[in-house]
Amino acid sequence: MVPHHDQTNAPDGGLRFIMSLRITGEGHISSIEFRAGTMEHDG
């Protein structure tokens, strides 16, 4: 998980982030998935 390069529309005192996940699909083939989200100062 790392800070998103674009903090536009981040909540006051919060942070936008990007996270990478290793997922398993059909046939047990591994893939990488990226998700973005926000964290606020109170958790």
N, C-alpha and C. Protein backbone atom coordinates (compact mmCIF):
# COMPACT_ATOMS: atom_id res chain seq x y z
N MET A 1 0.85 -1.16 0.00
CA MET A 1 0.00 0.00 0.00
C MET A 1 0.90 1.23 0.00
N VAL A 2 0.61 2.16 -0.91
CA VAL A 2 1.39 3.39 -1.03
C VAL A 2 0.43 4.57 -1.23
N PRO A 3 0.87 5.78 -0.88
CA PRO A 3 0.03 6.95 -1.13
C PRO A 3 -0.24 7.11 -2.63
N HIS A 4 -1.47 7.45 -2.97
CA HIS A 4 -1.85 7.70 -4.36
C HIS A 4 -1.14 8.96 -4.83
N HIS A 5 -0.66 8.98 -6.07
CA HIS A 5 0.05 10.16 -6.57
C HIS A 5 -0.87 11.36 -6.74
N ASP A 6 -2.18 11.14 -6.83
CA ASP A 6 -3.16 12.22 -6.98
C ASP A 6 -4.02 12.28 -5.72
N GLN A 7 -3.80 13.26 -4.89
CA GLN A 7 -4.55 13.39 -3.64
C GLN A 7 -5.79 14.28 -3.79
N THR A 8 -6.20 14.55 -5.04
CA THR A 8 -7.42 15.31 -5.29
C THR A 8 -8.61 14.60 -4.66
N ASN A 9 -9.47 15.35 -4.02
CA ASN A 9 -10.68 14.82 -3.36
C ASN A 9 -10.40 13.93 -2.16
N ALA A 10 -9.17 13.96 -1.64
CA ALA A 10 -8.88 13.21 -0.41
C ALA A 10 -9.61 13.90 0.74
N PRO A 11 -10.12 13.13 1.71
CA PRO A 11 -10.82 13.75 2.83
C PRO A 11 -9.86 14.62 3.66
N ASP A 12 -10.40 15.65 4.32
CA ASP A 12 -9.56 16.50 5.18
C ASP A 12 -8.86 15.65 6.22
N GLY A 13 -7.53 15.77 6.30
CA GLY A 13 -6.75 14.98 7.24
C GLY A 13 -6.60 13.53 6.82
N GLY A 14 -7.09 13.17 5.64
CA GLY A 14 -7.05 11.79 5.17
C GLY A 14 -6.06 11.60 4.04
N LEU A 15 -6.09 10.43 3.44
CA LEU A 15 -5.13 10.05 2.43
C LEU A 15 -5.78 9.12 1.42
N ARG A 16 -5.51 9.35 0.14
CA ARG A 16 -5.89 8.38 -0.89
C ARG A 16 -4.72 7.42 -1.05
N PHE A 17 -4.98 6.14 -1.30
CA PHE A 17 -3.91 5.15 -1.44
C PHE A 17 -4.18 4.21 -2.61
N ILE A 18 -3.11 3.53 -3.02
CA ILE A 18 -3.18 2.46 -4.02
C ILE A 18 -2.61 1.21 -3.35
N MET A 19 -3.25 0.08 -3.58
CA MET A 19 -2.83 -1.17 -2.97
C MET A 19 -2.78 -2.25 -4.04
N SER A 20 -1.75 -3.09 -4.00
CA SER A 20 -1.68 -4.22 -4.92
C SER A 20 -1.96 -5.51 -4.15
N LEU A 21 -2.69 -6.41 -4.80
CA LEU A 21 -3.06 -7.68 -4.20
C LEU A 21 -2.72 -8.82 -5.15
N ARG A 22 -2.28 -9.93 -4.61
CA ARG A 22 -2.09 -11.14 -5.41
C ARG A 22 -3.36 -11.95 -5.27
N ILE A 23 -3.99 -12.26 -6.39
CA ILE A 23 -5.23 -13.01 -6.37
C ILE A 23 -5.07 -14.31 -7.15
N THR A 24 -5.91 -15.28 -6.86
CA THR A 24 -5.89 -16.56 -7.57
C THR A 24 -7.20 -16.70 -8.33
N GLY A 25 -7.08 -16.92 -9.63
CA GLY A 25 -8.27 -17.06 -10.46
C GLY A 25 -8.55 -18.52 -10.77
N GLU A 26 -9.35 -18.73 -11.80
CA GLU A 26 -9.67 -20.09 -12.21
C GLU A 26 -8.41 -20.83 -12.61
N GLY A 27 -8.33 -22.08 -12.28
CA GLY A 27 -7.16 -22.88 -12.62
C GLY A 27 -5.95 -22.54 -11.77
N HIS A 28 -6.18 -21.85 -10.66
CA HIS A 28 -5.11 -21.47 -9.72
C HIS A 28 -4.04 -20.62 -10.37
N ILE A 29 -4.42 -19.80 -11.35
CA ILE A 29 -3.50 -18.88 -12.00
C ILE A 29 -3.46 -17.60 -11.17
N SER A 30 -2.24 -17.17 -10.80
CA SER A 30 -2.09 -15.96 -9.99
C SER A 30 -2.13 -14.72 -10.87
N SER A 31 -2.73 -13.68 -10.35
CA SER A 31 -2.79 -12.38 -11.01
C SER A 31 -2.52 -11.30 -9.98
N ILE A 32 -2.21 -10.11 -10.45
CA ILE A 32 -2.05 -8.96 -9.57
C ILE A 32 -3.21 -8.02 -9.83
N GLU A 33 -3.84 -7.57 -8.77
CA GLU A 33 -4.96 -6.64 -8.88
C GLU A 33 -4.61 -5.38 -8.11
N PHE A 34 -5.01 -4.24 -8.63
CA PHE A 34 -4.75 -2.96 -7.98
C PHE A 34 -6.07 -2.37 -7.53
N ARG A 35 -6.06 -1.83 -6.32
CA ARG A 35 -7.24 -1.18 -5.74
C ARG A 35 -6.84 0.19 -5.22
N ALA A 36 -7.76 1.12 -5.28
CA ALA A 36 -7.55 2.45 -4.72
C ALA A 36 -8.61 2.69 -3.66
N GLY A 37 -8.26 3.49 -2.66
CA GLY A 37 -9.21 3.78 -1.61
C GLY A 37 -8.80 5.02 -0.84
N THR A 38 -9.53 5.29 0.22
CA THR A 38 -9.22 6.43 1.08
C THR A 38 -9.15 5.98 2.53
N MET A 39 -8.31 6.67 3.28
CA MET A 39 -8.21 6.46 4.73
C MET A 39 -8.46 7.82 5.37
N GLU A 40 -9.22 7.83 6.44
CA GLU A 40 -9.49 9.07 7.15
C GLU A 40 -8.69 9.10 8.45
N HIS A 41 -8.54 10.29 9.00
CA HIS A 41 -7.70 10.47 10.18
C HIS A 41 -8.17 9.65 11.38
N ASP A 42 -9.43 9.28 11.44
CA ASP A 42 -9.94 8.52 12.58
C ASP A 42 -10.02 7.02 12.30
N GLY A 43 -9.38 6.59 11.20
CA GLY A 43 -9.31 5.17 10.90
C GLY A 43 -10.27 4.74 9.87
